[in-house]
Amino acid sequence: MIGAAAARRTATRAVTLLRPAGYVLIAAATLFLCVSLWSLAQAGRGDDNEYAAARDEVTRTAVQHITLLNSIDPKRADLDLAHWLRVATGPFHDALKHDMPTARAKFAKQQAASNAKVTALAVTDFDRSAGKATVIASVRIFTDATGEDGRRTEQRKRYEVGMQRVAGGWKVSELKPLPPGGKPTEGNGS
């Protein structure tokens, strides 16, 4: 019996000694967790992440605007042309506005709707502080089936696109078709 009592006392002393060590380990683990969470939260902030977020915004906006500028439904051409003006700025906006009567006449003769899809896009120049960016884009334009053959057609185009930040967000300031060689042609186009 004496052995059993001695073993209990030894076990009680061991538990008594381990309790403070356990509290220290729990406190250290809690401190480590708090510091890790704080560091993780701070990693989501800063100039690099703000730059990347602004660049991502340019990319998303460019895809939307390029798609819009290469899509037209003759049944609602006036609305589509108004959307074109809404996403344009500067001299490109002025050129689109100037060419509206010609565009309306052209689309009045068109029978099938054209829908674009940006298949690739890259931001080649980005100046966040100046609010300017340049992107290159590859676009597929699908025209609905018309005529006797009833076949849907597809065109592939490439553009160099100037983007400018204005009060309402990013808008297209320049749209230059790229020939197969990759160098922009003169003038704005759509």
N, C-alpha and C. Protein backbone atom coordinates (compact mmCIF):
# COMPACT_ATOMS: atom_id res chain seq x y z
N MET A 1 0.79 -1.18 0.00
CA MET A 1 0.00 0.00 0.00
C MET A 1 0.84 1.25 0.00
N ILE A 2 1.94 1.09 0.68
CA ILE A 2 2.81 2.26 0.74
C ILE A 2 3.28 2.62 -0.66
N GLY A 3 3.52 1.65 -1.47
CA GLY A 3 3.95 1.89 -2.84
C GLY A 3 2.88 2.59 -3.66
N ALA A 4 1.62 2.24 -3.44
CA ALA A 4 0.53 2.85 -4.18
C ALA A 4 0.35 4.31 -3.77
N ALA A 5 0.48 4.57 -2.49
CA ALA A 5 0.35 5.95 -2.00
C ALA A 5 1.50 6.80 -2.54
N ALA A 6 2.67 6.25 -2.57
CA ALA A 6 3.85 6.98 -3.08
C ALA A 6 3.67 7.26 -4.58
N ALA A 7 3.11 6.32 -5.29
CA ALA A 7 2.90 6.51 -6.73
C ALA A 7 1.87 7.61 -6.99
N ARG A 8 0.81 7.65 -6.14
CA ARG A 8 -0.20 8.71 -6.28
C ARG A 8 0.40 10.08 -6.01
N ARG A 9 1.24 10.14 -4.96
CA ARG A 9 1.88 11.43 -4.62
C ARG A 9 2.77 11.88 -5.76
N THR A 10 3.51 10.97 -6.35
CA THR A 10 4.40 11.30 -7.47
C THR A 10 3.58 11.77 -8.67
N ALA A 11 2.48 11.11 -8.95
CA ALA A 11 1.61 11.49 -10.06
C ALA A 11 0.99 12.85 -9.81
N THR A 12 0.59 13.11 -8.57
CA THR A 12 0.00 14.40 -8.22
C THR A 12 1.01 15.51 -8.39
N ARG A 13 2.28 15.26 -7.95
CA ARG A 13 3.35 16.27 -8.13
C ARG A 13 3.62 16.51 -9.61
N ALA A 14 3.61 15.46 -10.41
CA ALA A 14 3.86 15.60 -11.86
C ALA A 14 2.76 16.43 -12.50
N VAL A 15 1.50 16.18 -12.16
CA VAL A 15 0.38 16.94 -12.71
C VAL A 15 0.48 18.39 -12.26
N THR A 16 0.86 18.58 -10.99
CA THR A 16 1.00 19.93 -10.45
C THR A 16 2.10 20.69 -11.19
N LEU A 17 3.17 20.01 -11.54
CA LEU A 17 4.27 20.65 -12.27
C LEU A 17 3.90 20.88 -13.74
N LEU A 18 3.10 20.01 -14.34
CA LEU A 18 2.75 20.12 -15.75
C LEU A 18 1.69 21.20 -16.00
N ARG A 19 0.85 21.49 -15.05
CA ARG A 19 -0.20 22.50 -15.24
C ARG A 19 0.38 23.85 -15.64
N PRO A 20 1.35 24.38 -14.90
CA PRO A 20 1.91 25.68 -15.32
C PRO A 20 2.56 25.59 -16.70
N ALA A 21 3.22 24.48 -17.00
CA ALA A 21 3.84 24.32 -18.31
C ALA A 21 2.77 24.30 -19.40
N GLY A 22 1.65 23.66 -19.11
CA GLY A 22 0.53 23.62 -20.07
C GLY A 22 -0.04 24.99 -20.30
N TYR A 23 -0.16 25.78 -19.24
CA TYR A 23 -0.66 27.14 -19.38
C TYR A 23 0.30 27.99 -20.21
N VAL A 24 1.57 27.79 -20.01
CA VAL A 24 2.58 28.54 -20.78
C VAL A 24 2.49 28.14 -22.25
N LEU A 25 2.33 26.86 -22.54
CA LEU A 25 2.21 26.40 -23.92
C LEU A 25 0.95 26.95 -24.59
N ILE A 26 -0.15 26.96 -23.87
CA ILE A 26 -1.40 27.50 -24.42
C ILE A 26 -1.24 29.00 -24.69
N ALA A 27 -0.62 29.70 -23.76
CA ALA A 27 -0.41 31.15 -23.95
C ALA A 27 0.51 31.40 -25.15
N ALA A 28 1.56 30.61 -25.29
CA ALA A 28 2.48 30.78 -26.42
C ALA A 28 1.79 30.48 -27.74
N ALA A 29 0.97 29.43 -27.77
CA ALA A 29 0.25 29.07 -29.00
C ALA A 29 -0.75 30.17 -29.37
N THR A 30 -1.43 30.72 -28.37
CA THR A 30 -2.39 31.80 -28.62
C THR A 30 -1.67 33.04 -29.16
N LEU A 31 -0.55 33.38 -28.56
CA LEU A 31 0.25 34.53 -29.02
C LEU A 31 0.72 34.30 -30.46
N PHE A 32 1.21 33.09 -30.75
CA PHE A 32 1.66 32.77 -32.10
C PHE A 32 0.51 32.90 -33.10
N LEU A 33 -0.67 32.42 -32.75
CA LEU A 33 -1.84 32.51 -33.62
C LEU A 33 -2.21 33.96 -33.87
N CYS A 34 -2.21 34.77 -32.84
CA CYS A 34 -2.56 36.20 -33.00
C CYS A 34 -1.57 36.92 -33.90
N VAL A 35 -0.28 36.68 -33.69
CA VAL A 35 0.75 37.31 -34.52
C VAL A 35 0.62 36.84 -35.97
N SER A 36 0.34 35.57 -36.17
CA SER A 36 0.18 35.04 -37.54
C SER A 36 -1.02 35.66 -38.24
N LEU A 37 -2.13 35.78 -37.54
CA LEU A 37 -3.32 36.39 -38.14
C LEU A 37 -3.08 37.86 -38.45
N TRP A 38 -2.40 38.56 -37.58
CA TRP A 38 -2.10 39.98 -37.82
C TRP A 38 -1.19 40.11 -39.05
N SER A 39 -0.18 39.25 -39.15
CA SER A 39 0.73 39.29 -40.30
C SER A 39 -0.02 38.99 -41.60
N LEU A 40 -0.91 38.04 -41.55
CA LEU A 40 -1.71 37.68 -42.73
C LEU A 40 -2.59 38.85 -43.15
N ALA A 41 -3.18 39.51 -42.18
CA ALA A 41 -4.03 40.67 -42.50
C ALA A 41 -3.20 41.80 -43.10
N GLN A 42 -2.00 42.00 -42.61
CA GLN A 42 -1.14 43.05 -43.14
C GLN A 42 -0.63 42.72 -44.53
N ALA A 43 -0.50 41.44 -44.85
CA ALA A 43 -0.01 41.04 -46.17
C ALA A 43 -1.01 41.41 -47.25
N GLY A 44 -2.27 41.56 -46.91
CA GLY A 44 -3.30 41.93 -47.87
C GLY A 44 -3.34 43.41 -48.15
N ARG A 45 -2.47 44.16 -47.55
CA ARG A 45 -2.44 45.60 -47.74
C ARG A 45 -1.10 46.01 -48.31
N GLY A 46 -1.02 47.21 -48.82
CA GLY A 46 0.25 47.71 -49.31
C GLY A 46 0.18 48.07 -50.78
N ASP A 47 1.25 48.73 -51.21
CA ASP A 47 1.31 49.24 -52.57
C ASP A 47 1.26 48.14 -53.63
N ASP A 48 1.93 47.03 -53.39
CA ASP A 48 1.94 45.96 -54.39
C ASP A 48 0.54 45.41 -54.63
N ASN A 49 -0.20 45.21 -53.56
CA ASN A 49 -1.55 44.67 -53.71
C ASN A 49 -2.50 45.70 -54.31
N GLU A 50 -2.33 46.97 -53.97
CA GLU A 50 -3.16 48.01 -54.56
C GLU A 50 -2.87 48.14 -56.05
N TYR A 51 -1.60 48.04 -56.42
CA TYR A 51 -1.20 48.09 -57.83
C TYR A 51 -1.83 46.91 -58.59
N ALA A 52 -1.72 45.73 -58.01
CA ALA A 52 -2.28 44.53 -58.66
C ALA A 52 -3.80 44.63 -58.78
N ALA A 53 -4.46 45.15 -57.76
CA ALA A 53 -5.91 45.30 -57.81
C ALA A 53 -6.32 46.29 -58.89
N ALA A 54 -5.58 47.40 -59.02
CA ALA A 54 -5.88 48.39 -60.06
C ALA A 54 -5.64 47.80 -61.45
N ARG A 55 -4.58 47.03 -61.59
CA ARG A 55 -4.28 46.38 -62.88
C ARG A 55 -5.38 45.36 -63.23
N ASP A 56 -5.85 44.62 -62.23
CA ASP A 56 -6.94 43.68 -62.46
C ASP A 56 -8.22 44.40 -62.89
N GLU A 57 -8.45 45.57 -62.30
CA GLU A 57 -9.63 46.36 -62.69
C GLU A 57 -9.52 46.79 -64.15
N VAL A 58 -8.33 47.20 -64.58
CA VAL A 58 -8.11 47.57 -65.98
C VAL A 58 -8.40 46.36 -66.88
N THR A 59 -7.90 45.21 -66.50
CA THR A 59 -8.11 44.00 -67.29
C THR A 59 -9.60 43.67 -67.43
N ARG A 60 -10.33 43.65 -66.31
CA ARG A 60 -11.77 43.35 -66.35
C ARG A 60 -12.52 44.36 -67.21
N THR A 61 -12.22 45.64 -67.01
CA THR A 61 -12.92 46.69 -67.75
C THR A 61 -12.59 46.61 -69.24
N ALA A 62 -11.33 46.39 -69.57
CA ALA A 62 -10.93 46.29 -70.97
C ALA A 62 -11.66 45.15 -71.67
N VAL A 63 -11.75 44.01 -71.02
CA VAL A 63 -12.47 42.86 -71.62
C VAL A 63 -13.92 43.24 -71.89
N GLN A 64 -14.58 43.86 -70.92
CA GLN A 64 -15.98 44.25 -71.09
C GLN A 64 -16.14 45.26 -72.23
N HIS A 65 -15.29 46.28 -72.25
CA HIS A 65 -15.43 47.35 -73.24
C HIS A 65 -15.07 46.88 -74.65
N ILE A 66 -14.04 46.08 -74.79
CA ILE A 66 -13.64 45.57 -76.10
C ILE A 66 -14.74 44.66 -76.65
N THR A 67 -15.31 43.84 -75.78
CA THR A 67 -16.42 42.98 -76.19
C THR A 67 -17.58 43.83 -76.69
N LEU A 68 -17.92 44.85 -75.95
CA LEU A 68 -19.03 45.74 -76.31
C LEU A 68 -18.77 46.45 -77.64
N LEU A 69 -17.54 46.94 -77.83
CA LEU A 69 -17.21 47.71 -79.04
C LEU A 69 -17.13 46.83 -80.29
N ASN A 70 -17.14 45.53 -80.12
CA ASN A 70 -17.10 44.62 -81.26
C ASN A 70 -18.39 43.82 -81.42
N SER A 71 -19.43 44.23 -80.72
CA SER A 71 -20.73 43.55 -80.80
C SER A 71 -21.78 44.55 -81.25
N ILE A 72 -22.69 44.10 -82.12
CA ILE A 72 -23.77 44.96 -82.58
C ILE A 72 -24.96 44.09 -82.96
N ASP A 73 -26.13 44.54 -82.58
CA ASP A 73 -27.37 43.90 -82.99
C ASP A 73 -28.13 44.93 -83.82
N PRO A 74 -28.30 44.69 -85.13
CA PRO A 74 -28.96 45.69 -85.98
C PRO A 74 -30.37 46.06 -85.50
N LYS A 75 -31.03 45.16 -84.76
CA LYS A 75 -32.37 45.45 -84.26
C LYS A 75 -32.35 46.51 -83.16
N ARG A 76 -31.24 46.66 -82.51
CA ARG A 76 -31.11 47.67 -81.46
C ARG A 76 -29.80 48.44 -81.61
N ALA A 77 -29.49 48.78 -82.85
CA ALA A 77 -28.22 49.44 -83.17
C ALA A 77 -28.06 50.77 -82.45
N ASP A 78 -29.12 51.55 -82.34
CA ASP A 78 -29.00 52.84 -81.66
C ASP A 78 -28.57 52.66 -80.20
N LEU A 79 -29.13 51.67 -79.53
CA LEU A 79 -28.75 51.39 -78.15
C LEU A 79 -27.30 50.91 -78.07
N ASP A 80 -26.92 50.01 -78.95
CA ASP A 80 -25.54 49.52 -78.96
C ASP A 80 -24.55 50.65 -79.23
N LEU A 81 -24.88 51.52 -80.18
CA LEU A 81 -23.99 52.66 -80.49
C LEU A 81 -23.91 53.62 -79.30
N ALA A 82 -24.99 53.79 -78.59
CA ALA A 82 -24.96 54.62 -77.38
C ALA A 82 -24.04 54.00 -76.32
N HIS A 83 -24.05 52.67 -76.22
CA HIS A 83 -23.15 51.98 -75.29
C HIS A 83 -21.70 52.19 -75.72
N TRP A 84 -21.45 52.18 -77.01
CA TRP A 84 -20.10 52.43 -77.50
C TRP A 84 -19.60 53.79 -77.01
N LEU A 85 -20.46 54.79 -77.15
CA LEU A 85 -20.07 56.14 -76.69
C LEU A 85 -19.85 56.17 -75.18
N ARG A 86 -20.63 55.40 -74.45
CA ARG A 86 -20.52 55.39 -72.98
C ARG A 86 -19.17 54.84 -72.51
N VAL A 87 -18.57 53.91 -73.25
CA VAL A 87 -17.31 53.30 -72.80
C VAL A 87 -16.08 53.96 -73.41
N ALA A 88 -16.29 54.99 -74.23
CA ALA A 88 -15.18 55.67 -74.91
C ALA A 88 -14.91 57.03 -74.26
N THR A 89 -13.69 57.52 -74.45
CA THR A 89 -13.32 58.83 -73.94
C THR A 89 -12.31 59.49 -74.87
N GLY A 90 -12.15 60.78 -74.72
CA GLY A 90 -11.15 61.53 -75.47
C GLY A 90 -11.40 61.55 -76.97
N PRO A 91 -10.31 61.60 -77.75
CA PRO A 91 -10.44 61.64 -79.21
C PRO A 91 -11.16 60.42 -79.79
N PHE A 92 -11.02 59.27 -79.15
CA PHE A 92 -11.72 58.08 -79.63
C PHE A 92 -13.23 58.28 -79.50
N HIS A 93 -13.69 58.83 -78.40
CA HIS A 93 -15.11 59.15 -78.20
C HIS A 93 -15.58 60.13 -79.26
N ASP A 94 -14.77 61.17 -79.50
CA ASP A 94 -15.13 62.18 -80.49
C ASP A 94 -15.24 61.57 -81.89
N ALA A 95 -14.30 60.66 -82.23
CA ALA A 95 -14.34 60.01 -83.54
C ALA A 95 -15.57 59.12 -83.68
N LEU A 96 -15.91 58.38 -82.62
CA LEU A 96 -17.12 57.54 -82.67
C LEU A 96 -18.36 58.40 -82.85
N LYS A 97 -18.43 59.49 -82.12
CA LYS A 97 -19.59 60.38 -82.19
C LYS A 97 -19.72 60.99 -83.59
N HIS A 98 -18.59 61.38 -84.15
CA HIS A 98 -18.57 61.96 -85.50
C HIS A 98 -19.03 60.94 -86.54
N ASP A 99 -18.66 59.68 -86.35
CA ASP A 99 -18.98 58.62 -87.31
C ASP A 99 -20.34 57.95 -87.07
N MET A 100 -21.12 58.42 -86.12
CA MET A 100 -22.42 57.80 -85.81
C MET A 100 -23.36 57.72 -87.01
N PRO A 101 -23.55 58.78 -87.80
CA PRO A 101 -24.47 58.66 -88.95
C PRO A 101 -24.04 57.55 -89.92
N THR A 102 -22.75 57.45 -90.19
CA THR A 102 -22.24 56.41 -91.08
C THR A 102 -22.45 55.03 -90.47
N ALA A 103 -22.19 54.92 -89.17
CA ALA A 103 -22.35 53.63 -88.48
C ALA A 103 -23.82 53.21 -88.49
N ARG A 104 -24.72 54.15 -88.24
CA ARG A 104 -26.15 53.83 -88.24
C ARG A 104 -26.59 53.30 -89.61
N ALA A 105 -26.12 53.97 -90.68
CA ALA A 105 -26.47 53.54 -92.04
C ALA A 105 -25.91 52.15 -92.33
N LYS A 106 -24.70 51.91 -91.90
CA LYS A 106 -24.06 50.61 -92.12
C LYS A 106 -24.83 49.50 -91.39
N PHE A 107 -25.17 49.74 -90.13
CA PHE A 107 -25.84 48.70 -89.35
C PHE A 107 -27.30 48.53 -89.73
N ALA A 108 -27.90 49.54 -90.35
CA ALA A 108 -29.29 49.40 -90.84
C ALA A 108 -29.34 48.38 -91.97
N LYS A 109 -28.25 48.26 -92.75
CA LYS A 109 -28.18 47.29 -93.85
C LYS A 109 -27.81 45.89 -93.36
N GLN A 110 -27.20 45.81 -92.20
CA GLN A 110 -26.75 44.52 -91.67
C GLN A 110 -27.95 43.74 -91.16
N GLN A 111 -27.99 42.45 -91.48
CA GLN A 111 -29.13 41.62 -91.07
C GLN A 111 -28.86 40.82 -89.81
N ALA A 112 -27.63 40.43 -89.59
CA ALA A 112 -27.32 39.53 -88.49
C ALA A 112 -26.58 40.25 -87.37
N ALA A 113 -26.84 39.80 -86.16
CA ALA A 113 -26.14 40.35 -84.99
C ALA A 113 -24.73 39.77 -84.91
N SER A 114 -23.81 40.59 -84.42
CA SER A 114 -22.44 40.15 -84.20
C SER A 114 -22.14 40.22 -82.71
N ASN A 115 -21.55 39.16 -82.19
CA ASN A 115 -21.20 39.10 -80.77
C ASN A 115 -19.72 38.77 -80.64
N ALA A 116 -19.04 39.53 -79.81
CA ALA A 116 -17.60 39.36 -79.66
C ALA A 116 -17.27 38.64 -78.36
N LYS A 117 -16.11 38.01 -78.38
CA LYS A 117 -15.56 37.38 -77.19
C LYS A 117 -14.06 37.64 -77.17
N VAL A 118 -13.57 38.24 -76.09
CA VAL A 118 -12.13 38.45 -75.94
C VAL A 118 -11.52 37.12 -75.53
N THR A 119 -10.60 36.62 -76.35
CA THR A 119 -10.00 35.31 -76.07
C THR A 119 -8.67 35.42 -75.36
N ALA A 120 -8.02 36.57 -75.48
CA ALA A 120 -6.75 36.78 -74.77
C ALA A 120 -6.55 38.28 -74.60
N LEU A 121 -5.97 38.65 -73.46
CA LEU A 121 -5.72 40.06 -73.21
C LEU A 121 -4.53 40.18 -72.28
N ALA A 122 -3.68 41.16 -72.56
CA ALA A 122 -2.53 41.41 -71.70
C ALA A 122 -2.35 42.91 -71.52
N VAL A 123 -2.07 43.32 -70.30
CA VAL A 123 -1.75 44.72 -70.02
C VAL A 123 -0.27 44.88 -70.32
N THR A 124 0.04 45.70 -71.32
CA THR A 124 1.44 45.87 -71.72
C THR A 124 2.08 47.11 -71.11
N ASP A 125 1.27 48.06 -70.68
CA ASP A 125 1.79 49.27 -70.04
C ASP A 125 0.75 49.75 -69.06
N PHE A 126 1.19 50.10 -67.85
CA PHE A 126 0.24 50.52 -66.82
C PHE A 126 0.88 51.58 -65.95
N ASP A 127 0.27 52.75 -65.94
CA ASP A 127 0.73 53.85 -65.08
C ASP A 127 -0.46 54.23 -64.20
N ARG A 128 -0.48 53.65 -63.01
CA ARG A 128 -1.62 53.86 -62.11
C ARG A 128 -1.76 55.31 -61.71
N SER A 129 -0.65 55.98 -61.44
CA SER A 129 -0.73 57.37 -60.98
C SER A 129 -1.24 58.31 -62.08
N ALA A 130 -0.90 58.03 -63.33
CA ALA A 130 -1.37 58.85 -64.45
C ALA A 130 -2.75 58.41 -64.93
N GLY A 131 -3.20 57.24 -64.50
CA GLY A 131 -4.50 56.74 -64.93
C GLY A 131 -4.52 56.33 -66.39
N LYS A 132 -3.42 55.71 -66.83
CA LYS A 132 -3.34 55.28 -68.23
C LYS A 132 -2.83 53.85 -68.30
N ALA A 133 -3.34 53.13 -69.29
CA ALA A 133 -2.91 51.75 -69.50
C ALA A 133 -3.02 51.43 -70.99
N THR A 134 -2.22 50.48 -71.41
CA THR A 134 -2.29 49.95 -72.77
C THR A 134 -2.45 48.45 -72.66
N VAL A 135 -3.38 47.90 -73.43
CA VAL A 135 -3.58 46.46 -73.46
C VAL A 135 -3.57 45.99 -74.91
N ILE A 136 -3.23 44.74 -75.10
CA ILE A 136 -3.40 44.11 -76.40
C ILE A 136 -4.42 43.00 -76.20
N ALA A 137 -5.25 42.82 -77.21
CA ALA A 137 -6.34 41.85 -77.07
C ALA A 137 -6.56 41.09 -78.37
N SER A 138 -6.93 39.85 -78.21
CA SER A 138 -7.34 39.01 -79.33
C SER A 138 -8.84 38.77 -79.16
N VAL A 139 -9.59 38.98 -80.26
CA VAL A 139 -11.04 38.95 -80.19
C VAL A 139 -11.59 38.03 -81.28
N ARG A 140 -12.58 37.24 -80.93
CA ARG A 140 -13.33 36.45 -81.91
C ARG A 140 -14.71 37.08 -82.03
N ILE A 141 -15.14 37.33 -83.26
CA ILE A 141 -16.44 37.95 -83.50
C ILE A 141 -17.29 36.96 -84.29
N PHE A 142 -18.42 36.59 -83.69
CA PHE A 142 -19.33 35.63 -84.29
C PHE A 142 -20.54 36.39 -84.83
N THR A 143 -20.87 36.12 -86.09
CA THR A 143 -22.04 36.73 -86.71
C THR A 143 -23.09 35.64 -86.89
N ASP A 144 -24.30 35.93 -86.44
CA ASP A 144 -25.39 34.96 -86.52
C ASP A 144 -25.64 34.52 -87.96
N ALA A 145 -26.21 33.35 -88.10
CA ALA A 145 -26.51 32.78 -89.41
C ALA A 145 -27.56 33.62 -90.15
N THR A 146 -27.29 33.86 -91.43
CA THR A 146 -28.25 34.57 -92.30
C THR A 146 -28.17 33.97 -93.69
N GLY A 147 -29.10 34.34 -94.52
CA GLY A 147 -29.06 33.91 -95.92
C GLY A 147 -29.46 32.46 -96.10
N GLU A 148 -29.25 32.02 -97.33
CA GLU A 148 -29.66 30.67 -97.70
C GLU A 148 -28.80 29.59 -97.06
N ASP A 149 -27.49 29.86 -96.94
CA ASP A 149 -26.63 28.82 -96.38
C ASP A 149 -26.81 28.68 -94.88
N GLY A 150 -27.30 29.72 -94.21
CA GLY A 150 -27.61 29.66 -92.79
C GLY A 150 -26.41 29.35 -91.91
N ARG A 151 -25.24 29.76 -92.34
CA ARG A 151 -24.04 29.48 -91.55
C ARG A 151 -23.63 30.68 -90.71
N ARG A 152 -23.17 30.38 -89.55
CA ARG A 152 -22.63 31.39 -88.65
C ARG A 152 -21.18 31.65 -89.06
N THR A 153 -20.78 32.92 -89.07
CA THR A 153 -19.41 33.24 -89.47
C THR A 153 -18.60 33.69 -88.25
N GLU A 154 -17.30 33.63 -88.43
CA GLU A 154 -16.40 34.03 -87.35
C GLU A 154 -15.24 34.84 -87.93
N GLN A 155 -14.90 35.91 -87.23
CA GLN A 155 -13.72 36.73 -87.56
C GLN A 155 -12.82 36.75 -86.35
N ARG A 156 -11.53 36.90 -86.61
CA ARG A 156 -10.57 37.07 -85.52
C ARG A 156 -9.88 38.41 -85.72
N LYS A 157 -9.82 39.18 -84.65
CA LYS A 157 -9.17 40.48 -84.71
C LYS A 157 -8.25 40.65 -83.51
N ARG A 158 -7.26 41.51 -83.70
CA ARG A 158 -6.34 41.85 -82.61
C ARG A 158 -6.29 43.37 -82.51
N TYR A 159 -6.20 43.85 -81.27
CA TYR A 159 -6.18 45.29 -81.04
C TYR A 159 -5.12 45.68 -80.02
N GLU A 160 -4.66 46.91 -80.20
CA GLU A 160 -3.93 47.59 -79.14
C GLU A 160 -4.90 48.66 -78.62
N VAL A 161 -5.17 48.62 -77.33
CA VAL A 161 -6.22 49.46 -76.76
C VAL A 161 -5.63 50.37 -75.69
N GLY A 162 -5.88 51.66 -75.84
CA GLY A 162 -5.51 52.61 -74.80
C GLY A 162 -6.66 52.72 -73.82
N MET A 163 -6.34 52.67 -72.54
CA MET A 163 -7.35 52.81 -71.49
C MET A 163 -6.99 54.04 -70.65
N GLN A 164 -7.99 54.78 -70.25
CA GLN A 164 -7.77 55.97 -69.42
C GLN A 164 -8.78 55.99 -68.28
N ARG A 165 -8.27 56.31 -67.09
CA ARG A 165 -9.16 56.41 -65.93
C ARG A 165 -9.79 57.80 -65.92
N VAL A 166 -11.09 57.83 -65.85
CA VAL A 166 -11.85 59.08 -65.76
C VAL A 166 -12.73 58.99 -64.52
N ALA A 167 -13.54 60.00 -64.30
CA ALA A 167 -14.38 60.03 -63.09
C ALA A 167 -15.26 58.79 -62.96
N GLY A 168 -15.75 58.26 -64.05
CA GLY A 168 -16.63 57.10 -64.02
C GLY A 168 -15.91 55.76 -64.04
N GLY A 169 -14.60 55.75 -64.00
CA GLY A 169 -13.82 54.51 -64.07
C GLY A 169 -12.95 54.50 -65.31
N TRP A 170 -12.56 53.31 -65.74
CA TRP A 170 -11.69 53.15 -66.91
C TRP A 170 -12.53 53.15 -68.18
N LYS A 171 -12.03 53.88 -69.20
CA LYS A 171 -12.70 53.92 -70.50
C LYS A 171 -11.65 53.74 -71.60
N VAL A 172 -12.14 53.39 -72.79
CA VAL A 172 -11.27 53.21 -73.95
C VAL A 172 -10.95 54.57 -74.54
N SER A 173 -9.65 54.87 -74.64
CA SER A 173 -9.23 56.14 -75.22
C SER A 173 -8.66 55.97 -76.63
N GLU A 174 -8.40 54.71 -76.99
CA GLU A 174 -7.82 54.43 -78.31
C GLU A 174 -8.05 52.96 -78.63
N LEU A 175 -8.38 52.68 -79.88
CA LEU A 175 -8.59 51.31 -80.32
C LEU A 175 -7.94 51.16 -81.69
N LYS A 176 -6.76 50.51 -81.71
CA LYS A 176 -6.02 50.35 -82.96
C LYS A 176 -6.00 48.88 -83.36
N PRO A 177 -6.47 48.58 -84.57
CA PRO A 177 -6.36 47.20 -85.06
C PRO A 177 -4.89 46.82 -85.24
N LEU A 178 -4.55 45.61 -84.89
CA LEU A 178 -3.20 45.09 -85.09
C LEU A 178 -3.22 44.13 -86.28
N PRO A 179 -2.35 44.36 -87.24
CA PRO A 179 -2.25 43.41 -88.35
C PRO A 179 -1.55 42.13 -87.88
N PRO A 180 -1.53 41.10 -88.68
CA PRO A 180 -0.89 39.85 -88.27
C PRO A 180 0.55 40.03 -87.79
N GLY A 181 1.27 41.04 -88.30
CA GLY A 181 2.65 41.28 -87.87
C GLY A 181 2.75 41.83 -86.46
N GLY A 182 1.67 42.42 -85.94
CA GLY A 182 1.66 42.87 -84.56
C GLY A 182 1.81 44.36 -84.34
N LYS A 183 2.14 45.13 -85.40
CA LYS A 183 2.30 46.57 -85.21
C LYS A 183 0.98 47.28 -85.51
N PRO A 184 0.64 48.29 -84.67
CA PRO A 184 -0.65 48.97 -84.87
C PRO A 184 -0.72 49.69 -86.21
N THR A 185 -1.93 49.74 -86.76
CA THR A 185 -2.16 50.52 -87.97
C THR A 185 -2.52 51.93 -87.56
N GLU A 186 -2.45 52.85 -88.46
CA GLU A 186 -2.75 54.24 -88.16
C GLU A 186 -4.24 54.44 -87.99
N GLY A 187 -4.61 55.34 -87.09
CA GLY A 187 -6.00 55.71 -86.91
C GLY A 187 -6.73 54.82 -85.94
N ASN A 188 -7.90 55.29 -85.54
CA ASN A 188 -8.75 54.54 -84.63
C ASN A 188 -9.75 53.76 -85.44
N GLY A 189 -10.13 52.61 -84.91
CA GLY A 189 -11.14 51.80 -85.59
C GLY A 189 -11.99 51.09 -84.58
N SER A 190 -13.02 50.46 -85.08
CA SER A 190 -13.84 49.65 -84.17
C SER A 190 -14.28 48.40 -84.85
